[in-house]
C-alpha atoms as a PDB file:
ATOM      1  CA  MET A   1      18.757  49.951  94.063  1.00  0.00           C
ATOM      2  CA  LEU A   2      15.029  49.257  93.636  1.00  0.00           C
ATOM      3  CA  GLY A   3      14.665  52.437  91.599  1.00  0.00           C
ATOM      4  CA  ARG A   4      17.431  51.324  89.221  1.00  0.00           C
ATOM      5  CA  ILE A   5      15.853  47.897  88.802  1.00  0.00           C
ATOM      6  CA  LEU A   6      12.482  49.471  88.028  1.00  0.00           C
ATOM      7  CA  GLY A   7      14.177  51.881  85.609  1.00  0.00           C
ATOM      8  CA  TRP A   8      15.857  49.003  83.745  1.00  0.00           C
ATOM      9  CA  LEU A   9      12.565  47.081  83.651  1.00  0.00           C
ATOM     10  CA  LEU A  10      10.800  50.075  82.139  1.00  0.00           C
ATOM     11  CA  MET A  11      13.579  50.432  79.567  1.00  0.00           C
ATOM     12  CA  ALA A  12      13.120  46.736  78.691  1.00  0.00           C
ATOM     13  CA  VAL A  13       9.380  47.329  78.284  1.00  0.00           C
ATOM     14  CA  ALA A  14      10.175  50.241  75.974  1.00  0.00           C
ATOM     15  CA  LEU A  15      12.403  48.004  73.863  1.00  0.00           C
ATOM     16  CA  LEU A  16       9.702  45.315  73.719  1.00  0.00           C
ATOM     17  CA  ALA A  17       7.129  47.849  72.593  1.00  0.00           C
ATOM     18  CA  LEU A  18       9.537  49.262  70.026  1.00  0.00           C
ATOM     19  CA  GLY A  19      10.206  45.764  68.696  1.00  0.00           C
ATOM     20  CA  GLY A  20       6.482  45.095  68.355  1.00  0.00           C
ATOM     21  CA  ASP A  21       5.994  48.438  66.622  1.00  0.00           C
ATOM     22  CA  GLY A  22       8.843  47.615  64.265  1.00  0.00           C
ATOM     23  CA  LEU A  23       7.365  44.227  63.392  1.00  0.00           C
ATOM     24  CA  ARG A  24       3.965  45.800  62.711  1.00  0.00           C
ATOM     25  CA  TRP A  25       5.703  48.372  60.496  1.00  0.00           C
ATOM     26  CA  LEU A  26       7.356  45.573  58.501  1.00  0.00           C
ATOM     27  CA  GLU A  27       4.011  43.766  58.133  1.00  0.00           C
ATOM     28  CA  THR A  28       1.829  46.727  57.209  1.00  0.00           C
ATOM     29  CA  GLY A  29       4.279  49.287  55.874  1.00  0.00           C
ATOM     30  CA  MET A  30       2.831  51.931  58.239  1.00  0.00           C
ATOM     31  CA  MET A  31       4.473  53.062  61.474  1.00  0.00           C
ATOM     32  CA  ASN A  32       1.814  53.094  64.197  1.00  0.00           C
ATOM     33  CA  PHE A  33       2.977  53.121  67.790  1.00  0.00           C
ATOM     34  CA  ILE A  34       1.000  50.989  70.239  1.00  0.00           C
ATOM     35  CA  SER A  35      -0.513  52.916  73.130  1.00  0.00           C
ATOM     36  CA  LEU A  36       0.506  52.123  76.684  1.00  0.00           C
ATOM     37  CA  GLY A  37      -3.009  50.909  77.484  1.00  0.00           C
ATOM     38  CA  ASP A  38      -3.146  48.536  74.502  1.00  0.00           C
ATOM     39  CA  PHE A  39       0.345  47.260  75.265  1.00  0.00           C
ATOM     40  CA  TRP A  40      -0.576  46.642  78.892  1.00  0.00           C
ATOM     41  CA  ALA A  41      -3.845  44.910  77.891  1.00  0.00           C
ATOM     42  CA  ARG A  42      -1.901  42.532  75.629  1.00  0.00           C
ATOM     43  CA  LEU A  43       0.915  41.966  78.118  1.00  0.00           C
ATOM     44  CA  ASP A  44      -1.194  41.226  81.216  1.00  0.00           C
ATOM     45  CA  PRO A  45      -5.006  41.376  80.773  1.00  0.00           C
ATOM     46  CA  PRO A  46      -5.980  40.695  84.439  1.00  0.00           C
ATOM     47  CA  THR A  47      -4.014  43.639  85.818  1.00  0.00           C
ATOM     48  CA  TRP A  48      -5.276  45.834  82.943  1.00  0.00           C
ATOM     49  CA  ASN A  49      -8.862  44.991  83.888  1.00  0.00           C
ATOM     50  CA  LEU A  50      -8.069  45.658  87.544  1.00  0.00           C
ATOM     51  CA  LEU A  51      -6.608  49.065  86.685  1.00  0.00           C
ATOM     52  CA  ARG A  52      -9.652  50.002  84.599  1.00  0.00           C
ATOM     53  CA  THR A  53     -12.001  48.903  87.364  1.00  0.00           C
ATOM     54  CA  ILE A  54     -10.119  50.878  89.994  1.00  0.00           C
ATOM     55  CA  GLY A  55      -9.931  53.873  87.688  1.00  0.00           C
ATOM     56  CA  HIS A  56     -13.615  53.939  86.876  1.00  0.00           C
ATOM     57  CA  ASP A  57     -15.022  52.964  90.264  1.00  0.00           C
ATOM     58  CA  TYR A  58     -12.681  54.424  92.882  1.00  0.00           C
ATOM     59  CA  LEU A  59     -10.760  57.326  91.395  1.00  0.00           C
ATOM     60  CA  PRO A  60     -12.355  60.727  91.018  1.00  0.00           C
ATOM     61  CA  PRO A  61     -13.352  61.340  87.387  1.00  0.00           C
ATOM     62  CA  VAL A  62     -10.890  64.239  87.143  1.00  0.00           C
ATOM     63  CA  LEU A  63      -7.956  61.949  87.927  1.00  0.00           C
ATOM     64  CA  TRP A  64      -9.043  59.155  85.614  1.00  0.00           C
ATOM     65  CA  ASP A  65     -10.286  60.698  82.389  1.00  0.00           C
ATOM     66  CA  PRO A  66      -8.084  63.670  81.705  1.00  0.00           C
ATOM     67  CA  GLY A  67      -5.241  62.309  83.852  1.00  0.00           C
ATOM     68  CA  LEU A  68      -4.399  58.637  83.771  1.00  0.00           C
ATOM     69  CA  ALA A  69      -6.484  57.786  80.691  1.00  0.00           C
ATOM     70  CA  THR A  70      -4.542  60.375  78.671  1.00  0.00           C
ATOM     71  CA  ILE A  71      -1.205  58.854  79.660  1.00  0.00           C
ATOM     72  CA  LEU A  72      -2.518  55.387  78.760  1.00  0.00           C
ATOM     73  CA  ARG A  73      -3.259  56.669  75.233  1.00  0.00           C
ATOM     74  CA  TRP A  74       0.347  57.812  74.676  1.00  0.00           C
ATOM     75  CA  PRO A  75       2.837  55.522  72.896  1.00  0.00           C
ATOM     76  CA  ALA A  76       4.183  52.785  75.160  1.00  0.00           C
ATOM     77  CA  VAL A  77       7.712  53.364  73.875  1.00  0.00           C
ATOM     78  CA  ALA A  78       7.692  57.005  74.913  1.00  0.00           C
ATOM     79  CA  VAL A  79       6.031  56.605  78.308  1.00  0.00           C
ATOM     80  CA  SER A  80       8.027  53.626  79.540  1.00  0.00           C
ATOM     81  CA  GLY A  81      11.256  54.907  77.992  1.00  0.00           C
ATOM     82  CA  VAL A  82      10.976  58.357  79.548  1.00  0.00           C
ATOM     83  CA  PHE A  83       9.932  57.076  82.995  1.00  0.00           C
ATOM     84  CA  GLY A  84      12.668  54.425  82.873  1.00  0.00           C
ATOM     85  CA  LEU A  85      15.292  56.999  81.928  1.00  0.00           C
ATOM     86  CA  VAL A  86      14.143  59.364  84.667  1.00  0.00           C
ATOM     87  CA  LEU A  87      14.354  56.583  87.264  1.00  0.00           C
ATOM     88  CA  LEU A  88      17.817  55.570  86.034  1.00  0.00           C
ATOM     89  CA  LEU A  89      19.008  59.176  86.287  1.00  0.00           C
ATOM     90  CA  ILE A  90      17.537  59.719  89.732  1.00  0.00           C
ATOM     91  CA  PHE A  91      18.860  56.469  91.174  1.00  0.00           C
ATOM     92  CA  ARG A  92      22.184  56.332  89.317  1.00  0.00           C
ATOM     93  CA  ARG A  93      25.322  55.320  91.126  1.00  0.00           C
ATOM     94  CA  ARG A  94      27.212  58.323  92.285  1.00  0.00           C
ATOM     95  CA  ALA A  95      30.969  58.393  91.928  1.00  0.00           C
ATOM     96  CA  THR A  96      32.590  57.870  95.289  1.00  0.00           C
ATOM     97  CA  LYS A  97      35.341  60.209  96.299  1.00  0.00           C
ATOM     98  CA  ARG A  98      38.556  58.540  97.310  1.00  0.00           C
ATOM     99  CA  ARG A  99      39.898  59.709 100.580  1.00  0.00           C
ATOM    100  CA  GLN A 100      43.609  59.933 100.854  1.00  0.00           C
ATOM    101  CA  ARG A 101      45.010  58.285 103.921  1.00  0.00           C
ATOM    102  CA  PHE A 102      47.465  60.030 106.169  1.00  0.00           C
ATOM    103  CA  GLY A 103      50.989  58.963 105.463  1.00  0.00           C
ATOM    104  CA  ALA A 104      50.179  57.400 102.116  1.00  0.00           C
ATOM    105  CA  LEU A 105      52.560  58.288  99.345  1.00  0.00           C
ATOM    106  CA  SER A 106      51.022  58.921  96.021  1.00  0.00           C
END
């Protein structure tokens, strides 16, 4: 259940980012997708600063610069949409099989 909730939240974030990108496209006439890092910095600056501090000070450089920093440069729509969709697929409700009772006429 928690995985589905997180998946839906990530899909909502993807829609918010897409809406912001669409508004910027209407204003400027150019379609530029906002990166996940920029989106996060605008959405919640204190946690963005915390993530950058942890990344620079505590993570090995190999994990931060080519790893997490690369993902943070990708479009927010794509990253949150794909991760949200993956979570929704992994934690989807499975169809329950109906068991037929003994003696029941069907």
